[in-house]
C-alpha cells in the first residue's frame, strides 16, 4: 500500500506549476461529493482497525485517484479472502484455493485443518486426509480414532476399521459389539453379523429372534427367515413356514421349512393347495398337491374355475376347467369370451374343449364388436367365420367414417377369404 511519503504532497510535485487547471464544470466535484468520499474512506479505516488490519492513510486531496485504486485493490483482496473462507466453511476446497490465489496467498494451515476436523467429525477420513495434506500436516491419532468412532455410530464398519488402522490401533471389541447392536436396531442383519464377527463374538439368539419378529411384523418374510435361521430358532422357522402356507405362499414356506431342517407335512401342503385354488392360483395349487403326492379332485378344480369366472378372470378360469376335463364349462367360458369380444380367449377355451366355434357365434361376436366401435376385433371375428360379405360391409362403414386404416384391414381380410375360396374352387378347364 502506498505511504504518505510515496504520494505527491502538492500540485507542485506533479506539474511544477503553482496554479491548478480546474476541470470542466460538469465534472467538478462538489463539496458534498468530497465529503462523502472522505466519509467512506474513514468508514473503511474504522472497519480495518476493528479487524486488526493496517488502516489506510487518509489521502491528500491531490492523491485521490491513486488512493482509490489502492482502496479497490484492498476491497478485492478482502472480498476474495472472504469468498475463500466461506468456501472452506461449505467444504469446497478447490473453490477456496482458487479464491486465495486471487488474494495472492495460500490458505492458512490453521483454516485448512479446521476444515479437516469438520470432515473427521462427519466420519469422512479420506477427505480430511486430503485437506491436512494440503496444509502440510498429519492427522493426530486421537482425531483418527474419534473419526472411527463416528463411523461406528453410523454403522460404517469398514470406514471405522480404516480410520483405526490409520491411527495404528484396532477397534475395541465392546465398540464393535455396540456397532452391531445399532445395526440390529436398524434391521441391518448382515452388517450386525459383520461387526460381531470382527469382535470375535456371536449375536445372542434372543436378539436375532427379536429382529426376526420385527421383520415379520413389517411383512419382510425373507428377512425374518434369515434372522430366525441365524438364531437357530427351529420353532420360529416352522411357525413362519405355516404362516406362509396359510397365505398360499408355497415357495416361502418351503424355504422356511428347509432352514428348519424339516419337511412340510402332506396335509399342510394339501391345505395350502386348496387356498391357492381359492385365489385362482392353479399352478401353485398343482405344485402343492404334487409335493403331497396327491391329485386335485375335479370338483375342486371346477369350483376354482367358477370363482375365476365370477370374478371376471376369464383367462384364469380356463386352466382349472381344462384340468378337470369340464367340456361344458369350457364352452360356456368360450361363449362368455365371445360376448365381450375376447376372441383369442374364446378360441383357447373351445380348443381346450376340442371343439370349433360355430360361425354364427363368431359373426354375432363381430356384430357386437362393431356396435361397440371395436373395428379391429370385429374384423378378427368376421375373418374367423369366413364372412367376407360382413367384412365388406364393415370396410364400407369405416370408409364412410374416414377410418381408412380400419377399412383397409376389413377389405384385406375379405380378399384373403375370397382368394382362399378361389384356390379351393375346382378348375373349370
Protein backbone atom coordinates (compact mmCIF):
# COMPACT_ATOMS: atom_id res chain seq x y z
CA UNK A 1 0.00 0.00 0.00
CA UNK A 2 1.47 3.43 -0.90
CA UNK A 3 2.57 5.52 2.08
CA UNK A 4 2.26 9.22 2.53
CA UNK A 5 5.92 9.71 1.57
CA UNK A 6 5.33 7.95 -1.79
CA UNK A 7 2.28 10.04 -2.70
CA UNK A 8 2.65 13.58 -4.19
CA UNK A 9 2.03 16.18 -1.49
CA UNK A 10 1.01 19.06 -3.72
CA UNK A 11 0.34 20.21 -7.24
CA UNK A 12 3.94 21.48 -7.48
CA UNK A 13 5.27 17.97 -7.12
CA UNK A 14 3.23 16.85 -10.10
CA UNK A 15 3.48 19.62 -12.63
CA UNK A 16 5.77 22.20 -11.10
CA UNK A 17 3.14 24.90 -11.53
CA UNK A 18 1.55 26.71 -8.65
CA UNK A 19 -1.81 27.02 -10.32
CA UNK A 20 -4.06 24.02 -10.95
CA UNK A 21 -6.22 23.89 -14.07
CA UNK A 22 -9.82 23.42 -12.99
CA UNK A 23 -11.76 20.51 -14.51
CA UNK A 24 -14.80 21.21 -16.72
CA UNK A 25 -17.74 22.50 -14.78
CA UNK A 26 -19.85 19.34 -15.27
CA UNK A 27 -17.05 17.10 -13.91
CA UNK A 28 -16.08 19.27 -10.95
CA UNK A 29 -16.59 17.52 -7.63
CA UNK A 30 -19.00 19.24 -5.33
CA UNK A 31 -18.14 19.78 -1.65
CA UNK A 32 -20.80 17.25 -0.77
CA UNK A 33 -19.17 14.56 -3.01
CA UNK A 34 -15.79 15.24 -1.47
CA UNK A 35 -17.24 14.92 2.00
CA UNK A 36 -18.88 11.61 1.03
CA UNK A 37 -15.58 10.21 -0.28
CA UNK A 38 -13.78 11.14 2.91
CA UNK A 39 -16.59 9.66 4.98
CA UNK A 40 -16.41 6.38 3.02
CA UNK A 41 -12.67 6.25 3.47
CA UNK A 42 -12.96 6.88 7.19
CA UNK A 43 -15.53 4.09 7.44
CA UNK A 44 -13.09 1.73 5.70
CA UNK A 45 -10.40 2.80 8.16
CA UNK A 46 -12.64 2.05 11.11
CA UNK A 47 -13.51 -1.39 9.69
CA UNK A 48 -9.85 -2.14 9.07
CA UNK A 49 -8.92 -1.14 12.60
CA UNK A 50 -11.76 -3.27 14.00
CA UNK A 51 -10.37 -6.24 12.05
CA UNK A 52 -6.82 -5.59 13.43
CA UNK A 53 -5.60 -4.74 9.94
CA UNK A 54 -3.38 -1.83 8.91
CA UNK A 55 -5.68 1.17 8.25
CA UNK A 56 -5.46 3.24 5.15
CA UNK A 57 -3.82 6.64 5.32
CA UNK A 58 -6.28 9.45 4.70
CA UNK A 59 -5.46 10.63 1.20
CA UNK A 60 -4.46 14.17 0.44
CA UNK A 61 -6.86 15.88 -1.89
CA UNK A 62 -4.49 15.69 -4.84
CA UNK A 63 -3.85 11.95 -4.49
CA UNK A 64 -7.43 10.75 -4.53
CA UNK A 65 -7.19 8.70 -7.76
CA UNK A 66 -4.13 6.81 -6.55
CA UNK A 67 -5.77 6.16 -3.20
CA UNK A 68 -8.99 4.97 -4.86
CA UNK A 69 -7.02 2.32 -6.76
CA UNK A 70 -5.40 1.14 -3.54
CA UNK A 71 -8.78 1.11 -1.84
CA UNK A 72 -10.33 -1.03 -4.59
CA UNK A 73 -7.36 -3.39 -4.50
CA UNK A 74 -7.89 -3.88 -0.77
CA UNK A 75 -11.62 -4.48 -1.36
CA UNK A 76 -10.79 -7.19 -3.88
CA UNK A 77 -8.24 -8.77 -1.59
CA UNK A 78 -10.56 -8.91 1.38
CA UNK A 79 -13.56 -9.95 -0.74
CA UNK A 80 -11.67 -12.88 -2.24
CA UNK A 81 -10.41 -13.85 1.20
CA UNK A 82 -13.98 -13.83 2.48
CA UNK A 83 -15.04 -15.92 -0.51
CA UNK A 84 -12.31 -18.43 0.23
CA UNK A 85 -13.29 -18.67 3.89
CA UNK A 86 -16.95 -19.19 3.01
CA UNK A 87 -15.98 -21.93 0.55
CA UNK A 88 -13.98 -23.62 3.28
CA UNK A 89 -16.99 -23.49 5.59
CA UNK A 90 -19.01 -25.29 2.90
CA UNK A 91 -16.27 -27.86 2.26
CA UNK A 92 -15.49 -26.57 -1.24
CA UNK A 93 -11.73 -26.81 -1.07
CA UNK A 94 -10.89 -26.26 -4.74
CA UNK A 95 -13.05 -23.12 -4.89
CA UNK A 96 -11.40 -21.84 -1.71
CA UNK A 97 -7.96 -22.43 -3.21
CA UNK A 98 -8.95 -20.51 -6.32
CA UNK A 99 -10.19 -17.58 -4.22
CA UNK A 100 -6.98 -17.45 -2.20
CA UNK A 101 -4.94 -17.45 -5.43
CA UNK A 102 -6.66 -14.16 -6.23
CA UNK A 103 -5.74 -12.92 -2.76
CA UNK A 104 -2.15 -13.71 -3.59
CA UNK A 105 -1.54 -16.10 -0.72
CA UNK A 106 -2.18 -19.69 0.14
CA UNK A 107 -4.89 -20.82 2.52
CA UNK A 108 -3.60 -20.58 6.09
CA UNK A 109 -2.81 -24.01 7.51
CA UNK A 110 -4.97 -23.46 10.59
CA UNK A 111 -8.01 -22.81 8.39
CA UNK A 112 -7.34 -25.94 6.35
CA UNK A 113 -7.03 -28.06 9.48
CA UNK A 114 -10.31 -26.68 10.80
CA UNK A 115 -11.96 -27.93 7.61
CA UNK A 116 -10.22 -31.27 8.04
CA UNK A 117 -11.52 -31.52 11.60
CA UNK A 118 -15.06 -30.95 10.37
CA UNK A 119 -14.62 -33.80 7.92
CA UNK A 120 -13.33 -36.01 10.73
CA UNK A 121 -16.38 -35.16 12.84
CA UNK A 122 -18.54 -36.35 9.94
CA UNK A 123 -16.55 -39.58 9.60
CA UNK A 124 -15.04 -38.50 6.26
CA UNK A 125 -11.45 -39.61 6.90
CA UNK A 126 -10.23 -39.61 3.28
CA UNK A 127 -11.38 -36.04 2.69
CA UNK A 128 -9.82 -34.96 5.97
CA UNK A 129 -6.51 -36.52 4.97
CA UNK A 130 -6.58 -34.59 1.69
CA UNK A 131 -7.10 -31.29 3.50
CA UNK A 132 -4.48 -31.98 6.14
CA UNK A 133 -2.01 -32.93 3.40
CA UNK A 134 -2.70 -29.60 1.68
CA UNK A 135 -1.87 -27.91 4.99
CA UNK A 136 1.33 -29.95 5.20
CA UNK A 137 0.23 -31.67 8.39
CA UNK A 138 -0.67 -35.16 9.60
CA UNK A 139 -3.90 -36.03 11.38
CA UNK A 140 -3.27 -36.78 15.07
CA UNK A 141 -4.04 -40.37 16.11
CA UNK A 142 -6.67 -39.30 18.64
CA UNK A 143 -8.60 -37.48 15.92
CA UNK A 144 -8.48 -40.53 13.66
CA UNK A 145 -9.83 -42.68 16.48
CA UNK A 146 -12.62 -40.18 17.08
CA UNK A 147 -13.41 -40.30 13.35
CA UNK A 148 -13.54 -44.10 13.52
CA UNK A 149 -15.96 -43.87 16.43
CA UNK A 150 -18.23 -41.60 14.36
CA UNK A 151 -18.21 -44.22 11.63
CA UNK A 152 -19.11 -46.93 14.13
CA UNK A 153 -22.04 -44.83 15.33
CA UNK A 154 -23.28 -44.71 11.74
CA UNK A 155 -22.77 -48.45 11.21
CA UNK A 156 -19.93 -47.89 8.72
CA UNK A 157 -17.67 -50.66 9.94
CA UNK A 158 -15.15 -50.74 7.09
CA UNK A 159 -14.61 -46.96 7.29
CA UNK A 160 -14.14 -47.23 11.05
CA UNK A 161 -11.59 -50.01 10.60
CA UNK A 162 -9.59 -47.91 8.13
CA UNK A 163 -9.62 -44.91 10.45
CA UNK A 164 -8.37 -47.00 13.37
CA UNK A 165 -5.76 -48.60 11.12
CA UNK A 166 -4.53 -45.16 10.10
CA UNK A 167 -4.19 -44.37 13.81
CA UNK A 168 -2.13 -47.54 14.25
CA UNK A 169 -4.56 -49.37 16.50
CA UNK A 170 -7.57 -51.72 16.47
CA UNK A 171 -11.19 -51.15 17.37
CA UNK A 172 -12.01 -52.42 20.87
CA UNK A 173 -14.41 -55.39 20.90
CA UNK A 174 -17.00 -53.56 23.01
CA UNK A 175 -17.24 -50.79 20.42
CA UNK A 176 -17.69 -53.35 17.63
CA UNK A 177 -20.46 -55.09 19.55
CA UNK A 178 -22.15 -51.75 20.23
CA UNK A 179 -21.97 -51.05 16.48
CA UNK A 180 -23.51 -54.45 15.77
CA UNK A 181 -26.37 -53.74 18.18
CA UNK A 182 -27.07 -50.43 16.45
CA UNK A 183 -27.20 -52.28 13.14
CA UNK A 184 -29.69 -54.74 14.63
CA UNK A 185 -31.82 -51.83 15.79
CA UNK A 186 -31.86 -50.57 12.20
CA UNK A 187 -32.71 -54.01 10.82
CA UNK A 188 -29.31 -54.42 9.13
CA UNK A 189 -28.63 -58.07 9.90
CA UNK A 190 -25.62 -58.64 7.63
CA UNK A 191 -23.89 -55.50 8.94
CA UNK A 192 -24.55 -56.59 12.51
CA UNK A 193 -23.12 -60.03 11.81
CA UNK A 194 -20.00 -58.45 10.30
CA UNK A 195 -19.49 -56.22 13.34
CA UNK A 196 -19.92 -59.10 15.80
CA UNK A 197 -17.58 -61.28 13.73
CA UNK A 198 -14.91 -58.53 13.83
CA UNK A 199 -15.27 -58.56 17.61
CA UNK A 200 -14.84 -62.34 17.66
CA UNK A 201 -18.34 -62.77 19.06
CA UNK A 202 -21.74 -64.14 18.03
CA UNK A 203 -25.02 -62.29 18.12
CA UNK A 204 -27.15 -63.59 21.02
CA UNK A 205 -30.04 -65.68 19.74
CA UNK A 206 -32.62 -63.65 21.65
CA UNK A 207 -31.52 -60.51 19.79
CA UNK A 208 -31.79 -62.32 16.47
CA UNK A 209 -35.25 -63.64 17.29
CA UNK A 210 -36.43 -60.16 18.29
CA UNK A 211 -35.16 -58.88 14.95
CA UNK A 212 -36.95 -61.71 13.15
CA UNK A 213 -40.19 -60.88 14.95
CA UNK A 214 -39.83 -57.25 13.93
CA UNK A 215 -39.24 -58.23 10.32
CA UNK A 216 -42.32 -60.44 10.43
CA UNK A 217 -44.48 -57.63 11.79
CA UNK A 218 -43.29 -55.46 8.91
CA UNK A 219 -44.14 -58.15 6.35
CA UNK A 220 -40.49 -58.85 5.44
CA UNK A 221 -40.80 -62.63 5.31
CA UNK A 222 -37.43 -63.33 3.70
CA UNK A 223 -35.51 -61.22 6.23
CA UNK A 224 -37.42 -62.81 9.10
CA UNK A 225 -36.41 -66.25 7.85
CA UNK A 226 -32.72 -65.22 7.73
CA UNK A 227 -32.82 -63.83 11.27
CA UNK A 228 -34.51 -66.94 12.68
CA UNK A 229 -32.09 -69.18 10.79
CA UNK A 230 -29.12 -67.26 12.22
CA UNK A 231 -30.58 -67.77 15.68
CA UNK A 232 -31.15 -71.47 15.02
CA UNK A 233 -34.79 -70.92 16.01
CA UNK A 234 -36.40 -74.05 14.53
CA UNK A 235 -39.80 -73.43 16.09
CA UNK A 236 -39.86 -69.88 14.77
CA UNK A 237 -38.95 -71.10 11.29
CA UNK A 238 -41.70 -73.73 11.22
CA UNK A 239 -44.23 -71.19 12.50
CA UNK A 240 -43.12 -68.86 9.74
CA UNK A 241 -43.48 -71.63 7.18
CA UNK A 242 -47.01 -72.41 8.38
CA UNK A 243 -47.89 -68.74 8.17
CA UNK A 244 -46.74 -68.72 4.54
CA UNK A 245 -48.74 -71.87 3.81
CA UNK A 246 -51.86 -70.19 5.20
CA UNK A 247 -51.36 -67.40 2.66
CA UNK A 248 -50.73 -69.80 -0.20
CA UNK A 249 -47.06 -68.75 -0.42
CA UNK A 250 -45.66 -72.19 -1.08
CA UNK A 251 -42.11 -71.24 -2.10
CA UNK A 252 -41.61 -69.08 1.02
CA UNK A 253 -42.96 -71.90 3.17
CA UNK A 254 -40.56 -74.39 1.59
CA UNK A 255 -37.57 -72.13 2.32
CA UNK A 256 -38.60 -71.68 5.95
CA UNK A 257 -39.06 -75.43 6.48
CA UNK A 258 -35.75 -76.14 4.73
CA UNK A 259 -33.97 -73.67 7.02
CA UNK A 260 -35.51 -75.50 9.96
CA UNK A 261 -34.29 -78.83 8.56
CA UNK A 262 -37.84 -80.13 8.27
CA UNK A 263 -40.34 -81.18 5.61
CA UNK A 264 -43.85 -79.83 5.16
CA UNK A 265 -46.47 -82.44 6.17
CA UNK A 266 -48.72 -83.64 3.32
CA UNK A 267 -51.90 -82.39 4.96
CA UNK A 268 -50.45 -78.88 5.24
CA UNK A 269 -49.46 -78.99 1.58
CA UNK A 270 -52.96 -80.01 0.52
CA UNK A 271 -54.47 -77.26 2.67
CA UNK A 272 -52.11 -74.79 1.03
CA UNK A 273 -53.14 -76.10 -2.40
CA UNK A 274 -56.80 -75.54 -1.56
CA UNK A 275 -56.09 -71.94 -0.53
CA UNK A 276 -54.28 -71.42 -3.83
CA UNK A 277 -57.34 -72.73 -5.67
CA UNK A 278 -59.48 -70.23 -3.79
CA UNK A 279 -57.24 -67.46 -5.12
CA UNK A 280 -57.25 -68.85 -8.66
CA UNK A 281 -53.58 -69.82 -8.48
CA UNK A 282 -53.81 -73.11 -10.34
CA UNK A 283 -50.10 -73.72 -10.90
CA UNK A 284 -49.29 -73.16 -7.19
CA UNK A 285 -52.12 -75.47 -6.20
CA UNK A 286 -50.91 -78.16 -8.56
CA UNK A 287 -47.38 -77.85 -7.17
CA UNK A 288 -48.60 -78.13 -3.58
CA UNK A 289 -50.70 -81.22 -4.34
CA UNK A 290 -47.79 -82.76 -6.29
CA UNK A 291 -45.47 -82.29 -3.31
CA UNK A 292 -48.07 -84.01 -1.18
CA UNK A 293 -48.20 -86.89 -3.67
CA UNK A 294 -51.87 -86.23 -4.45
CA UNK A 295 -54.09 -85.03 -7.32
CA UNK A 296 -56.57 -82.18 -7.14
CA UNK A 297 -60.15 -83.50 -7.18
CA UNK A 298 -62.16 -82.45 -10.25
CA UNK A 299 -64.83 -80.76 -8.16
CA UNK A 300 -62.22 -78.51 -6.54
CA UNK A 301 -60.85 -77.58 -9.95
CA UNK A 302 -64.31 -76.73 -11.26
CA UNK A 303 -65.03 -74.68 -8.15
CA UNK A 304 -61.79 -72.80 -8.77
CA UNK A 305 -62.82 -72.12 -12.37
CA UNK A 306 -66.24 -70.92 -11.24
CA UNK A 307 -64.68 -68.45 -8.78
CA UNK A 308 -62.43 -67.12 -11.51
CA UNK A 309 -65.44 -66.70 -13.76
CA UNK A 310 -67.41 -64.91 -11.06
CA UNK A 311 -64.52 -62.50 -10.53
CA UNK A 312 -64.18 -61.81 -14.24
CA UNK A 313 -60.85 -63.63 -14.51
CA UNK A 314 -61.77 -65.35 -17.76
CA UNK A 315 -58.21 -66.25 -18.78
CA UNK A 316 -57.56 -67.83 -15.36
CA UNK A 317 -60.78 -69.88 -15.50
CA UNK A 318 -59.70 -71.89 -18.49
CA UNK A 319 -56.88 -73.76 -16.70
CA UNK A 320 -58.98 -75.27 -13.88
CA UNK A 321 -61.80 -76.25 -16.27
CA UNK A 322 -59.31 -77.85 -18.66
CA UNK A 323 -57.55 -79.69 -15.83
CA UNK A 324 -60.93 -81.03 -14.69
CA UNK A 325 -61.90 -82.01 -18.26
CA UNK A 326 -65.10 -79.93 -17.90
CA UNK A 327 -66.11 -79.64 -21.58
CA UNK A 328 -69.40 -77.83 -20.96
CA UNK A 329 -67.72 -75.34 -18.64
CA UNK A 330 -65.07 -74.63 -21.27
CA UNK A 331 -67.65 -73.99 -23.99
CA UNK A 332 -69.63 -71.77 -21.61
CA UNK A 333 -66.41 -69.89 -20.88
CA UNK A 334 -65.69 -69.55 -24.60
CA UNK A 335 -69.14 -68.06 -25.18
CA UNK A 336 -68.61 -65.59 -22.34
CA UNK A 337 -65.40 -64.50 -24.02
CA UNK A 338 -67.20 -64.08 -27.34
CA UNK A 339 -69.81 -61.90 -25.63
CA UNK A 340 -67.18 -59.37 -24.66
CA UNK A 341 -65.12 -59.62 -27.83
CA UNK A 342 -62.21 -61.63 -26.41
CA UNK A 343 -61.82 -63.83 -29.47
CA UNK A 344 -58.40 -65.17 -28.54
CA UNK A 345 -59.55 -66.44 -25.13
CA UNK A 346 -62.70 -67.88 -26.71
CA UNK A 347 -60.66 -69.82 -29.26
CA UNK A 348 -58.42 -71.19 -26.47
CA UNK A 349 -61.42 -72.32 -24.42
CA UNK A 350 -63.04 -74.05 -27.40
CA UNK A 351 -59.70 -75.65 -28.31
CA UNK A 352 -59.35 -76.98 -24.76
CA UNK A 353 -62.83 -78.48 -25.21
CA UNK A 354 -61.69 -79.96 -28.54
CA UNK A 355 -64.45 -78.04 -30.30
CA UNK A 356 -64.73 -75.40 -33.02
CA UNK A 357 -66.60 -72.15 -32.57
CA UNK A 358 -69.74 -72.15 -34.72
CA UNK A 359 -69.62 -69.48 -37.49
CA UNK A 360 -72.87 -67.91 -36.30
CA UNK A 361 -71.34 -67.28 -32.85
CA UNK A 362 -68.30 -65.70 -34.46
CA UNK A 363 -70.49 -63.45 -36.62
CA UNK A 364 -72.56 -62.48 -33.57
CA UNK A 365 -69.31 -61.64 -31.78
CA UNK A 366 -68.22 -59.50 -34.73
CA UNK A 367 -71.58 -57.69 -34.75
CA UNK A 368 -71.29 -56.85 -31.06
CA UNK A 369 -67.75 -55.59 -31.55
CA UNK A 370 -68.88 -53.44 -34.47
CA UNK A 371 -71.70 -51.96 -32.36
CA UNK A 372 -69.14 -51.03 -29.70
CA UNK A 373 -66.87 -49.43 -32.29
CA UNK A 374 -64.20 -52.11 -31.87
CA UNK A 375 -63.43 -52.45 -35.56
CA UNK A 376 -60.23 -54.49 -35.25
CA UNK A 377 -61.95 -57.10 -33.06
CA UNK A 378 -64.89 -57.19 -35.47
CA UNK A 379 -62.54 -57.83 -38.40
CA UNK A 380 -60.92 -60.74 -36.49
CA UNK A 381 -64.30 -62.31 -35.64
CA UNK A 382 -65.70 -61.99 -39.18
CA UNK A 383 -62.45 -63.32 -40.66
CA UNK A 384 -62.55 -66.35 -38.32
CA UNK A 385 -66.11 -67.01 -39.51
CA UNK A 386 -65.10 -66.61 -43.15
CA UNK A 387 -67.77 -63.91 -43.54
CA UNK A 388 -66.39 -61.92 -46.47
CA UNK A 389 -69.68 -60.08 -47.01
CA UNK A 390 -69.65 -58.85 -43.38
CA UNK A 391 -66.10 -57.65 -43.84
CA UNK A 392 -67.03 -55.68 -46.95
CA UNK A 393 -69.93 -54.01 -45.16
CA UNK A 394 -67.63 -53.18 -42.23
CA UNK A 395 -64.99 -51.81 -44.59
CA UNK A 396 -67.53 -49.53 -46.30
CA UNK A 397 -68.78 -48.31 -42.95
CA UNK A 398 -65.25 -47.49 -41.78
CA UNK A 399 -64.52 -45.69 -45.04
CA UNK A 400 -67.70 -43.60 -44.70
CA UNK A 401 -66.46 -42.54 -41.27
CA UNK A 402 -62.97 -41.68 -42.61
CA UNK A 403 -61.47 -44.64 -40.76
CA UNK A 404 -59.25 -45.59 -43.68
CA UNK A 405 -56.89 -47.87 -41.80
CA UNK A 406 -59.72 -49.99 -40.40
CA UNK A 407 -61.37 -50.10 -43.82
CA UNK A 408 -58.11 -51.38 -45.26
CA UNK A 409 -57.97 -54.15 -42.61
CA UNK A 410 -61.53 -55.23 -43.43
CA UNK A 411 -61.01 -55.21 -47.20
CA UNK A 412 -57.76 -57.16 -46.96
CA UNK A 413 -59.40 -59.78 -44.73
CA UNK A 414 -62.30 -60.09 -47.21
CA UNK A 415 -59.92 -60.52 -50.16
CA UNK A 416 -57.92 -63.11 -48.23
CA UNK A 417 -61.09 -65.18 -47.78
CA UNK A 418 -62.01 -64.77 -51.47
CA UNK A 419 -58.53 -65.80 -52.59
CA UNK A 420 -58.62 -68.95 -50.45
CA UNK A 421 -62.05 -69.77 -51.83
CA UNK A 422 -60.81 -69.27 -55.40
CA UNK A 423 -57.84 -71.55 -54.81
CA UNK A 424 -60.07 -74.23 -53.36
CA UNK A 425 -62.67 -73.99 -56.12
CA UNK A 426 -62.46 -76.82 -58.71
CA UNK A 427 -60.90 -75.84 -62.00
CA UNK A 428 -63.35 -75.50 -64.95
CA UNK A 429 -60.71 -76.19 -67.57
